PDB file of N, CA and C in Angstrom:
ATOM      1  N   MET A   1       0.737  -1.281  -0.153  1.00  0.00           N
ATOM      2  CA  MET A   1      -0.318   0.426  -0.053  1.00  0.00           C
ATOM      3  C   MET A   1       0.467   1.246   0.321  1.00  0.00           C
ATOM      4  N   GLU A   2       0.779   2.353  -0.528  1.00  0.00           N
ATOM      5  CA  GLU A   2       1.692   3.199  -1.003  1.00  0.00           C
ATOM      6  C   GLU A   2       0.897   4.176   0.082  1.00  0.00           C
ATOM      7  N   SER A   3       1.887   5.087  -0.126  1.00  0.00           N
ATOM      8  CA  SER A   3       1.385   6.717   0.963  1.00  0.00           C
ATOM      9  C   SER A   3       1.394   7.814   0.029  1.00  0.00           C
ATOM     10  N   ASN A   4       0.385   8.725  -0.214  1.00  0.00           N
ATOM     11  CA  ASN A   4       0.578   9.758  -0.999  1.00  0.00           C
ATOM     12  C   ASN A   4       0.923  10.863   0.084  1.00  0.00           C
ATOM     13  N   HIS A   5       1.400  10.986   0.870  1.00  0.00           N
ATOM     14  CA  HIS A   5       2.120  11.890   1.933  1.00  0.00           C
ATOM     15  C   HIS A   5       3.580  11.974   1.185  1.00  0.00           C
ATOM     16  N   VAL A   6       3.851  13.392   1.200  1.00  0.00           N
ATOM     17  CA  VAL A   6       5.272  13.536   0.599  1.00  0.00           C
ATOM     18  C   VAL A   6       5.876  14.111   1.970  1.00  0.00           C
ATOM     19  N   THR A   7       6.922  13.881   2.272  1.00  0.00           N
ATOM     20  CA  THR A   7       8.184  14.478   3.727  1.00  0.00           C
ATOM     21  C   THR A   7       8.700  14.896   3.177  1.00  0.00           C
ATOM     22  N   LEU A   8       8.785  16.386   3.913  1.00  0.00           N
ATOM     23  CA  LEU A   8       9.341  17.821   2.616  1.00  0.00           C
ATOM     24  C   LEU A   8      10.657  17.604   4.341  1.00  0.00           C
ATOM     25  N   PRO A   9      12.018  18.134   3.753  1.00  0.00           N
ATOM     26  CA  PRO A   9      12.681  17.862   4.800  1.00  0.00           C
ATOM     27  C   PRO A   9      12.938  19.330   6.318  1.00  0.00           C
ATOM     28  N   GLN A  10      13.386  19.203   6.777  1.00  0.00           N
ATOM     29  CA  GLN A  10      13.640  19.842   8.311  1.00  0.00           C
ATOM     30  C   GLN A  10      14.155  21.050   7.872  1.00  0.00           C
ATOM     31  N   ARG A  11      13.533  21.599   8.369  1.00  0.00           N
ATOM     32  CA  ARG A  11      14.146  23.422   8.173  1.00  0.00           C
ATOM     33  C   ARG A  11      15.529  23.674   8.756  1.00  0.00           C
ATOM     34  N   GLN A  12      16.791  23.659   8.403  1.00  0.00           N
ATOM     35  CA  GLN A  12      17.888  23.575   9.398  1.00  0.00           C
ATOM     36  C   GLN A  12      17.866  24.883  10.392  1.00  0.00           C
ATOM     37  N   LYS A  13      17.826  24.626  11.184  1.00  0.00           N
ATOM     38  CA  LYS A  13      17.966  26.193  12.455  1.00  0.00           C
ATOM     39  C   LYS A  13      19.952  26.812  12.319  1.00  0.00           C
ATOM     40  N   ILE A  14      18.824  28.106  11.537  1.00  0.00           N
ATOM     41  CA  ILE A  14      20.419  28.989  12.043  1.00  0.00           C
ATOM     42  C   ILE A  14      20.325  29.861  12.759  1.00  0.00           C
ATOM     43  N   PRO A  15      21.694  29.678  14.144  1.00  0.00           N
ATOM     44  CA  PRO A  15      20.785  30.818  15.327  1.00  0.00           C
ATOM     45  C   PRO A  15      21.005  32.089  14.707  1.00  0.00           C
ATOM     46  N   ALA A  16      21.922  32.646  13.852  1.00  0.00           N
ATOM     47  CA  ALA A  16      22.254  33.799  13.404  1.00  0.00           C
ATOM     48  C   ALA A  16      21.083  35.001  12.710  1.00  0.00           C
ATOM     49  N   TYR A  17      20.229  33.535  11.728  1.00  0.00           N
ATOM     50  CA  TYR A  17      19.152  34.210  11.258  1.00  0.00           C
ATOM     51  C   TYR A  17      17.289  33.830  12.179  1.00  0.00           C
ATOM     52  N   ASP A  18      18.118  33.595  13.202  1.00  0.00           N
ATOM     53  CA  ASP A  18      16.587  33.616  14.065  1.00  0.00           C
ATOM     54  C   ASP A  18      17.072  34.810  14.807  1.00  0.00           C
ATOM     55  N   ILE A  19      18.100  34.349  15.615  1.00  0.00           N
ATOM     56  CA  ILE A  19      17.849  36.270  16.600  1.00  0.00           C
ATOM     57  C   ILE A  19      17.862  37.653  15.054  1.00  0.00           C
ATOM     58  N   TRP A  20      18.256  37.739  14.075  1.00  0.00           N
ATOM     59  CA  TRP A  20      17.807  38.663  12.818  1.00  0.00           C
ATOM     60  C   TRP A  20      16.550  38.642  12.775  1.00  0.00           C
ATOM     61  N   GLU A  21      15.971  37.812  12.457  1.00  0.00           N
ATOM     62  CA  GLU A  21      14.596  38.084  12.112  1.00  0.00           C
ATOM     63  C   GLU A  21      13.602  38.212  13.360  1.00  0.00           C
ATOM     64  N   THR A  22      13.693  37.425  14.795  1.00  0.00           N
ATOM     65  CA  THR A  22      13.618  37.927  16.130  1.00  0.00           C
ATOM     66  C   THR A  22      13.632  39.970  16.400  1.00  0.00           C
ATOM     67  N   GLN A  23      14.930  39.826  15.718  1.00  0.00           N
ATOM     68  CA  GLN A  23      15.214  41.503  16.351  1.00  0.00           C
ATOM     69  C   GLN A  23      14.387  42.466  14.424  1.00  0.00           C
ATOM     70  N   ASP A  24      14.493  41.815  13.589  1.00  0.00           N
ATOM     71  CA  ASP A  24      13.815  42.086  12.986  1.00  0.00           C
ATOM     72  C   ASP A  24      12.539  42.743  13.045  1.00  0.00           C
ATOM     73  N   ASN A  25      11.718  41.332  13.756  1.00  0.00           N
ATOM     74  CA  ASN A  25      10.802  41.454  13.807  1.00  0.00           C
ATOM     75  C   ASN A  25       9.827  42.582  15.133  1.00  0.00           C
ATOM     76  N   LEU A  26      11.153  43.061  15.796  1.00  0.00           N
ATOM     77  CA  LEU A  26      10.532  43.841  16.909  1.00  0.00           C
ATOM     78  C   LEU A  26      11.282  44.928  16.091  1.00  0.00           C
ATOM     79  N   ILE A  27      11.736  45.592  15.007  1.00  0.00           N
ATOM     80  CA  ILE A  27      12.226  47.109  14.910  1.00  0.00           C
ATOM     81  C   ILE A  27      11.070  47.219  13.636  1.00  0.00           C
ATOM     82  N   PHE A  28      10.148  46.198  12.966  1.00  0.00           N
ATOM     83  CA  PHE A  28       9.125  46.353  12.403  1.00  0.00           C
ATOM     84  C   PHE A  28       8.351  46.285  13.298  1.00  0.00           C
ATOM     85  N   SER A  29       7.825  45.892  13.850  1.00  0.00           N
ATOM     86  CA  SER A  29       6.740  46.836  14.990  1.00  0.00           C
ATOM     87  C   SER A  29       6.930  47.887  15.912  1.00  0.00           C
ATOM     88  N   CYS A  30       7.999  47.872  15.945  1.00  0.00           N
ATOM     89  CA  CYS A  30       8.159  49.201  16.701  1.00  0.00           C
ATOM     90  C   CYS A  30       8.079  50.275  15.671  1.00  0.00           C
ATOM     91  N   ILE A  31       8.526  50.827  14.649  1.00  0.00           N
ATOM     92  CA  ILE A  31       8.127  51.146  12.950  1.00  0.00           C
ATOM     93  C   ILE A  31       6.812  51.168  12.958  1.00  0.00           C
ATOM     94  N   ASN A  32       6.335  49.914  12.409  1.00  0.00           N
ATOM     95  CA  ASN A  32       4.422  50.094  12.279  1.00  0.00           C
ATOM     96  C   ASN A  32       3.536  50.597  13.553  1.00  0.00           C
ATOM     97  N   SER A  33       4.243  51.064  14.758  1.00  0.00           N
ATOM     98  CA  SER A  33       3.426  51.425  15.807  1.00  0.00           C
ATOM     99  C   SER A  33       3.624  52.660  15.848  1.00  0.00           C
ATOM    100  N   SER A  34       4.840  53.508  15.021  1.00  0.00           N
ATOM    101  CA  SER A  34       4.442  54.343  15.306  1.00  0.00           C
ATOM    102  C   SER A  34       4.086  54.921  13.852  1.00  0.00           C
ATOM    103  N   LEU A  35       3.382  54.624  13.063  1.00  0.00           N
ATOM    104  CA  LEU A  35       3.031  55.001  12.017  1.00  0.00           C
ATOM    105  C   LEU A  35       1.513  56.022  12.029  1.00  0.00           C
ATOM    106  N   SER A  36       1.045  56.679  11.250  1.00  0.00           N
ATOM    107  CA  SER A  36      -0.322  57.159  11.478  1.00  0.00           C
ATOM    108  C   SER A  36      -1.200  55.939  10.392  1.00  0.00           C
ATOM    109  N   ASP A  37      -2.418  55.889  10.768  1.00  0.00           N
ATOM    110  CA  ASP A  37      -3.341  54.994   9.624  1.00  0.00           C
ATOM    111  C   ASP A  37      -2.828  54.794   8.183  1.00  0.00           C
ATOM    112  N   GLU A  38      -2.953  56.137   7.836  1.00  0.00           N
ATOM    113  CA  GLU A  38      -2.520  56.950   5.807  1.00  0.00           C
ATOM    114  C   GLU A  38      -1.170  56.094   6.119  1.00  0.00           C
ATOM    115  N   VAL A  39       0.057  56.376   6.406  1.00  0.00           N
ATOM    116  CA  VAL A  39       1.088  56.213   6.331  1.00  0.00           C
ATOM    117  C   VAL A  39       1.363  54.351   6.562  1.00  0.00           C
ATOM    118  N   LEU A  40       0.606  53.888   7.633  1.00  0.00           N
ATOM    119  CA  LEU A  40       1.052  52.414   7.573  1.00  0.00           C
ATOM    120  C   LEU A  40       0.071  51.431   6.497  1.00  0.00           C
ATOM    121  N   ALA A  41      -0.927  52.413   5.690  1.00  0.00           N
ATOM    122  CA  ALA A  41      -1.255  51.953   4.859  1.00  0.00           C
ATOM    123  C   ALA A  41      -0.582  51.480   3.528  1.00  0.00           C
ATOM    124  N   GLN A  42       0.134  52.709   3.824  1.00  0.00           N
ATOM    125  CA  GLN A  42       1.315  53.050   2.200  1.00  0.00           C
ATOM    126  C   GLN A  42       2.504  51.481   2.270  1.00  0.00           C
ATOM    127  N   VAL A  43       2.533  51.535   3.439  1.00  0.00           N
ATOM    128  CA  VAL A  43       3.534  50.048   3.925  1.00  0.00           C
ATOM    129  C   VAL A  43       3.582  48.846   4.110  1.00  0.00           C
ATOM    130  N   ALA A  44       2.181  48.517   4.594  1.00  0.00           N
ATOM    131  CA  ALA A  44       1.278  47.289   4.776  1.00  0.00           C
ATOM    132  C   ALA A  44       1.439  45.955   4.184  1.00  0.00           C
ATOM    133  N   HIS A  45       2.136  46.574   2.862  1.00  0.00           N
ATOM    134  CA  HIS A  45       2.667  44.667   1.800  1.00  0.00           C
ATOM    135  C   HIS A  45       4.491  44.884   2.621  1.00  0.00           C
ATOM    136  N   CYS A  46       4.891  45.371   3.165  1.00  0.00           N
ATOM    137  CA  CYS A  46       6.351  45.408   3.230  1.00  0.00           C
ATOM    138  C   CYS A  46       6.619  44.427   4.178  1.00  0.00           C
ATOM    139  N   SER A  47       7.724  43.028   3.793  1.00  0.00           N
ATOM    140  CA  SER A  47       7.744  42.007   4.853  1.00  0.00           C
ATOM    141  C   SER A  47       8.756  42.092   5.843  1.00  0.00           C
ATOM    142  N   THR A  48       9.735  43.262   5.925  1.00  0.00           N
ATOM    143  CA  THR A  48      11.241  43.744   7.227  1.00  0.00           C
ATOM    144  C   THR A  48      11.324  44.437   6.785  1.00  0.00           C
ATOM    145  N   SER A  49      11.565  44.958   7.973  1.00  0.00           N
ATOM    146  CA  SER A  49      11.671  46.694   8.486  1.00  0.00           C
ATOM    147  C   SER A  49      13.028  47.646   7.824  1.00  0.00           C
ATOM    148  N   ALA A  50      13.378  46.751   7.025  1.00  0.00           N
ATOM    149  CA  ALA A  50      14.663  47.262   6.209  1.00  0.00           C
ATOM    150  C   ALA A  50      13.192  48.080   4.672  1.00  0.00           C
ATOM    151  N   VAL A  51      12.466  46.852   4.353  1.00  0.00           N
ATOM    152  CA  VAL A  51      11.669  46.912   3.506  1.00  0.00           C
ATOM    153  C   VAL A  51      10.496  48.649   3.694  1.00  0.00           C
ATOM    154  N   VAL A  52      10.966  48.667   5.020  1.00  0.00           N
ATOM    155  CA  VAL A  52       9.418  49.541   5.554  1.00  0.00           C
ATOM    156  C   VAL A  52      10.336  50.876   5.700  1.00  0.00           C
ATOM    157  N   TRP A  53      11.155  50.654   5.963  1.00  0.00           N
ATOM    158  CA  TRP A  53      12.106  51.996   6.188  1.00  0.00           C
ATOM    159  C   TRP A  53      12.521  52.824   4.523  1.00  0.00           C
ATOM    160  N   LEU A  54      12.840  51.850   3.510  1.00  0.00           N
ATOM    161  CA  LEU A  54      13.230  52.632   2.384  1.00  0.00           C
ATOM    162  C   LEU A  54      11.892  52.608   1.958  1.00  0.00           C
ATOM    163  N   SER A  55      10.819  52.365   1.975  1.00  0.00           N
ATOM    164  CA  SER A  55       9.442  52.676   1.249  1.00  0.00           C
ATOM    165  C   SER A  55       9.263  54.236   2.136  1.00  0.00           C
ATOM    166  N   LEU A  56       9.205  54.101   3.330  1.00  0.00           N
ATOM    167  CA  LEU A  56       9.639  55.471   3.799  1.00  0.00           C
ATOM    168  C   LEU A  56       9.399  56.243   3.500  1.00  0.00           C
ATOM    169  N   SER A  57      11.175  55.959   3.626  1.00  0.00           N
ATOM    170  CA  SER A  57      12.376  56.754   3.138  1.00  0.00           C
ATOM    171  C   SER A  57      11.983  57.407   1.433  1.00  0.00           C
ATOM    172  N   SER A  58      11.670  56.939   0.753  1.00  0.00           N
ATOM    173  CA  SER A  58      11.431  57.121  -0.696  1.00  0.00           C
ATOM    174  C   SER A  58       9.896  58.114  -0.908  1.00  0.00           C
ATOM    175  N   ALA A  59       8.814  58.073   0.364  1.00  0.00           N
ATOM    176  CA  ALA A  59       7.566  58.420  -0.223  1.00  0.00           C
ATOM    177  C   ALA A  59       7.896  59.790   0.890  1.00  0.00           C
ATOM    178  N   PHE A  60       8.488  59.908   1.388  1.00  0.00           N
ATOM    179  CA  PHE A  60       8.834  61.372   2.418  1.00  0.00           C
ATOM    180  C   PHE A  60      10.289  61.783   1.783  1.00  0.00           C
ATOM    181  N   VAL A  61      11.205  61.850   1.173  1.00  0.00           N
ATOM    182  CA  VAL A  61      12.314  62.365   1.093  1.00  0.00           C
ATOM    183  C   VAL A  61      11.800  63.686  -0.034  1.00  0.00           C
ATOM    184  N   SER A  62      10.888  64.004  -0.858  1.00  0.00           N
ATOM    185  CA  SER A  62      10.436  65.270  -1.134  1.00  0.00           C
ATOM    186  C   SER A  62      10.020  66.109  -0.359  1.00  0.00           C
ATOM    187  N   GLN A  63       9.168  65.866   0.657  1.00  0.00           N
ATOM    188  CA  GLN A  63       8.877  66.491   2.221  1.00  0.00           C
ATOM    189  C   GLN A  63      10.198  66.755   2.353  1.00  0.00           C
ATOM    190  N   SER A  64      10.962  66.415   2.872  1.00  0.00           N
ATOM    191  CA  SER A  64      12.232  66.546   3.785  1.00  0.00           C
ATOM    192  C   SER A  64      13.128  67.108   2.471  1.00  0.00           C
ATOM    193  N   ARG A  65      13.137  67.758   0.957  1.00  0.00           N
ATOM    194  CA  ARG A  65      13.814  68.165   0.663  1.00  0.00           C
ATOM    195  C   ARG A  65      13.109  69.265   0.946  1.00  0.00           C
ATOM    196  N   ALA A  66      12.371  69.640   0.257  1.00  0.00           N
ATOM    197  CA  ALA A  66      11.479  70.986   0.593  1.00  0.00           C
ATOM    198  C   ALA A  66      11.573  72.046   1.753  1.00  0.00           C
ATOM    199  N   LYS A  67      11.088  71.132   2.931  1.00  0.00           N
ATOM    200  CA  LYS A  67      11.288  71.716   3.671  1.00  0.00           C
ATOM    201  C   LYS A  67      13.064  72.204   4.451  1.00  0.00           C
ATOM    202  N   GLU A  68      14.261  71.030   3.634  1.00  0.00           N
ATOM    203  CA  GLU A  68      14.912  71.579   3.917  1.00  0.00           C
ATOM    204  C   GLU A  68      15.471  73.046   2.946  1.00  0.00           C
ATOM    205  N   VAL A  69      15.360  72.933   2.141  1.00  0.00           N
ATOM    206  CA  VAL A  69      15.124  74.334   0.991  1.00  0.00           C
ATOM    207  C   VAL A  69      14.756  76.038   1.747  1.00  0.00           C
ATOM    208  N   HIS A  70      13.413  75.366   2.607  1.00  0.00           N
ATOM    209  CA  HIS A  70      12.409  76.170   2.761  1.00  0.00           C
ATOM    210  C   HIS A  70      13.254  76.800   3.744  1.00  0.00           C
ATOM    211  N   VAL A  71      13.934  76.175   5.208  1.00  0.00           N
ATOM    212  CA  VAL A  71      14.782  76.323   6.190  1.00  0.00           C
ATOM    213  C   VAL A  71      16.286  77.264   5.954  1.00  0.00           C
ATOM    214  N   CYS A  72      16.550  77.053   5.100  1.00  0.00           N
ATOM    215  CA  CYS A  72      17.799  76.765   4.502  1.00  0.00           C
ATOM    216  C   CYS A  72      17.213  78.591   3.951  1.00  0.00           C
ATOM    217  N   SER A  73      16.327  78.822   3.389  1.00  0.00           N
ATOM    218  CA  SER A  73      15.770  79.989   2.769  1.00  0.00           C
ATOM    219  C   SER A  73      15.326  81.079   3.733  1.00  0.00           C
ATOM    220  N   GLN A  74      15.212  80.141   4.650  1.00  0.00           N
ATOM    221  CA  GLN A  74      14.253  81.264   6.234  1.00  0.00           C
ATOM    222  C   GLN A  74      16.062  82.134   6.948  1.00  0.00           C
ATOM    223  N   LEU A  75      17.063  80.890   6.710  1.00  0.00           N
ATOM    224  CA  LEU A  75      18.305  81.449   7.943  1.00  0.00           C
ATOM    225  C   LEU A  75      19.080  82.084   7.029  1.00  0.00           C
ATOM    226  N   SER A  76      19.212  82.051   5.547  1.00  0.00           N
ATOM    227  CA  SER A  76      20.234  82.967   5.213  1.00  0.00           C
ATOM    228  C   SER A  76      19.245  84.011   4.951  1.00  0.00           C
ATOM    229  N   THR A  77      18.054  84.616   4.761  1.00  0.00           N
ATOM    230  CA  THR A  77      17.524  85.697   4.915  1.00  0.00           C
ATOM    231  C   THR A  77      17.130  86.548   6.007  1.00  0.00           C
ATOM    232  N   LEU A  78      17.527  85.641   7.130  1.00  0.00           N
ATOM    233  CA  LEU A  78      17.376  85.893   8.364  1.00  0.00           C
ATOM    234  C   LEU A  78      17.661  86.927   9.054  1.00  0.00           C
ATOM    235  N   ARG A  79      16.982  87.983   9.731  1.00  0.00           N
ATOM    236  CA  ARG A  79      17.731  89.415   9.850  1.00  0.00           C
ATOM    237  C   ARG A  79      17.411  89.283  11.879  1.00  0.00           C
ATOM    238  N   LYS A  80      18.388  90.115  12.236  1.00  0.00           N
ATOM    239  CA  LYS A  80      18.176  90.183  13.860  1.00  0.00           C
ATOM    240  C   LYS A  80      17.008  91.546  14.286  1.00  0.00           C
ATOM    241  N   GLY A  81      16.969  92.655  12.999  1.00  0.00           N
ATOM    242  CA  GLY A  81      15.711  93.543  13.594  1.00  0.00           C
ATOM    243  C   GLY A  81      15.549  94.093  14.936  1.00  0.00           C
ATOM    244  N   ASN A  82      14.254  93.825  15.067  1.00  0.00           N
ATOM    245  CA  ASN A  82      13.621  94.531  16.990  1.00  0.00           C
ATOM    246  C   ASN A  82      13.972  93.442  17.968  1.00  0.00           C
ATOM    247  N   GLN A  83      14.318  92.331  17.381  1.00  0.00           N
ATOM    248  CA  GLN A  83      14.537  90.824  18.283  1.00  0.00           C
ATOM    249  C   GLN A  83      15.841  91.014  19.234  1.00  0.00           C
ATOM    250  N   SER A  84      15.760  90.757  20.878  1.00  0.00           N
ATOM    251  CA  SER A  84      16.946  90.502  21.373  1.00  0.00           C
ATOM    252  C   SER A  84      17.634  90.003  20.869  1.00  0.00           C
ATOM    253  N   VAL A  85      19.052  89.943  21.658  1.00  0.00           N
ATOM    254  CA  VAL A  85      20.114  88.630  20.352  1.00  0.00           C
ATOM    255  C   VAL A  85      19.640  87.248  21.121  1.00  0.00           C
ATOM    256  N   THR A  86      19.228  87.604  22.464  1.00  0.00           N
ATOM    257  CA  THR A  86      18.931  86.254  22.988  1.00  0.00           C
ATOM    258  C   THR A  86      17.475  85.438  22.062  1.00  0.00           C
ATOM    259  N   GLU A  87      16.688  86.125  21.576  1.00  0.00           N
ATOM    260  CA  GLU A  87      15.813  85.530  20.836  1.00  0.00           C
ATOM    261  C   GLU A  87      16.322  85.455  19.085  1.00  0.00           C
ATOM    262  N   TYR A  88      17.473  86.092  18.791  1.00  0.00           N
ATOM    263  CA  TYR A  88      17.381  85.965  17.538  1.00  0.00           C
ATOM    264  C   TYR A  88      18.509  84.771  17.529  1.00  0.00           C
ATOM    265  N   PHE A  89      19.036  84.172  18.270  1.00  0.00           N
ATOM    266  CA  PHE A  89      19.839  82.959  18.508  1.00  0.00           C
ATOM    267  C   PHE A  89      18.534  82.339  18.481  1.00  0.00           C
ATOM    268  N   MET A  90      17.696  82.163  19.569  1.00  0.00           N
ATOM    269  CA  MET A  90      16.812  81.438  19.560  1.00  0.00           C
ATOM    270  C   MET A  90      15.941  80.474  18.189  1.00  0.00           C
ATOM    271  N   THR A  91      15.721  81.500  17.290  1.00  0.00           N
ATOM    272  CA  THR A  91      15.185  81.543  15.959  1.00  0.00           C
ATOM    273  C   THR A  91      16.349  80.810  15.539  1.00  0.00           C
ATOM    274  N   ILE A  92      17.823  81.269  15.777  1.00  0.00           N
ATOM    275  CA  ILE A  92      18.500  80.447  14.811  1.00  0.00           C
ATOM    276  C   ILE A  92      18.797  78.717  15.108  1.00  0.00           C
ATOM    277  N   LYS A  93      19.037  78.771  16.293  1.00  0.00           N
ATOM    278  CA  LYS A  93      18.811  76.710  16.867  1.00  0.00           C
ATOM    279  C   LYS A  93      17.662  76.585  16.774  1.00  0.00           C
ATOM    280  N   HIS A  94      16.332  77.413  16.164  1.00  0.00           N
ATOM    281  CA  HIS A  94      15.101  76.623  16.243  1.00  0.00           C
ATOM    282  C   HIS A  94      15.342  76.211  14.818  1.00  0.00           C
ATOM    283  N   LEU A  95      15.915  77.334  13.829  1.00  0.00           N
ATOM    284  CA  LEU A  95      15.244  76.818  11.967  1.00  0.00           C
ATOM    285  C   LEU A  95      16.738  75.843  12.101  1.00  0.00           C
ATOM    286  N   THR A  96      17.954  75.593  12.664  1.00  0.00           N
ATOM    287  CA  THR A  96      19.242  74.928  12.696  1.00  0.00           C
ATOM    288  C   THR A  96      18.324  73.232  13.145  1.00  0.00           C
ATOM    289  N   ASP A  97      17.784  73.708  14.258  1.00  0.00           N
ATOM    290  CA  ASP A  97      17.427  72.533  14.567  1.00  0.00           C
ATOM    291  C   ASP A  97      16.132  71.623  14.111  1.00  0.00           C
ATOM    292  N   GLU A  98      15.084  72.475  13.067  1.00  0.00           N
ATOM    293  CA  GLU A  98      14.167  72.097  12.008  1.00  0.00           C
ATOM    294  C   GLU A  98      15.030  71.715  10.548  1.00  0.00           C
ATOM    295  N   LEU A  99      16.536  72.361  10.350  1.00  0.00           N
ATOM    296  CA  LEU A  99      17.063  71.535   9.508  1.00  0.00           C
ATOM    297  C   LEU A  99      17.872  70.373   9.759  1.00  0.00           C
ATOM    298  N   ALA A 100      18.586  69.848  10.855  1.00  0.00           N
ATOM    299  CA  ALA A 100      18.959  68.805  11.447  1.00  0.00           C
ATOM    300  C   ALA A 100      17.799  67.384  10.976  1.00  0.00           C
ATOM    301  N   ILE A 101      16.483  68.345  11.530  1.00  0.00           N
ATOM    302  CA  ILE A 101      15.428  67.284  11.342  1.00  0.00           C
ATOM    303  C   ILE A 101      15.054  66.501  10.071  1.00  0.00           C
ATOM    304  N   ALA A 102      14.764  67.702   9.751  1.00  0.00           N
ATOM    305  CA  ALA A 102      14.386  67.667   7.919  1.00  0.00           C
ATOM    306  C   ALA A 102      15.401  66.557   6.821  1.00  0.00           C
ATOM    307  N   GLY A 103      16.886  66.236   7.513  1.00  0.00           N
ATOM    308  CA  GLY A 103      17.525  65.563   7.204  1.00  0.00           C
ATOM    309  C   GLY A 103      19.108  66.124   6.660  1.00  0.00           C
TER     310      GLY A 103
END
């Protein structure tokens, strides 16, 4: 009597892969839990944290670049005017922080 069952080979355990997979799942969850529903819908097809990150990066790079150009323009045209020195330097600090965030 012949059996119609096919026996598949056991997946060989690779410790480094298991560690990577666990870490990737944690990163994947952290990224996804920080996204709005609208943005999450854009990366729902992604299977790893690296793919999510690259997808987000390409989706938002043009916005970041536009923000960077805008802030650079604000910095280059900034004048002290009637601000105190403290206010003036706080404005510069705020703009440079925004520039750093923009990328």
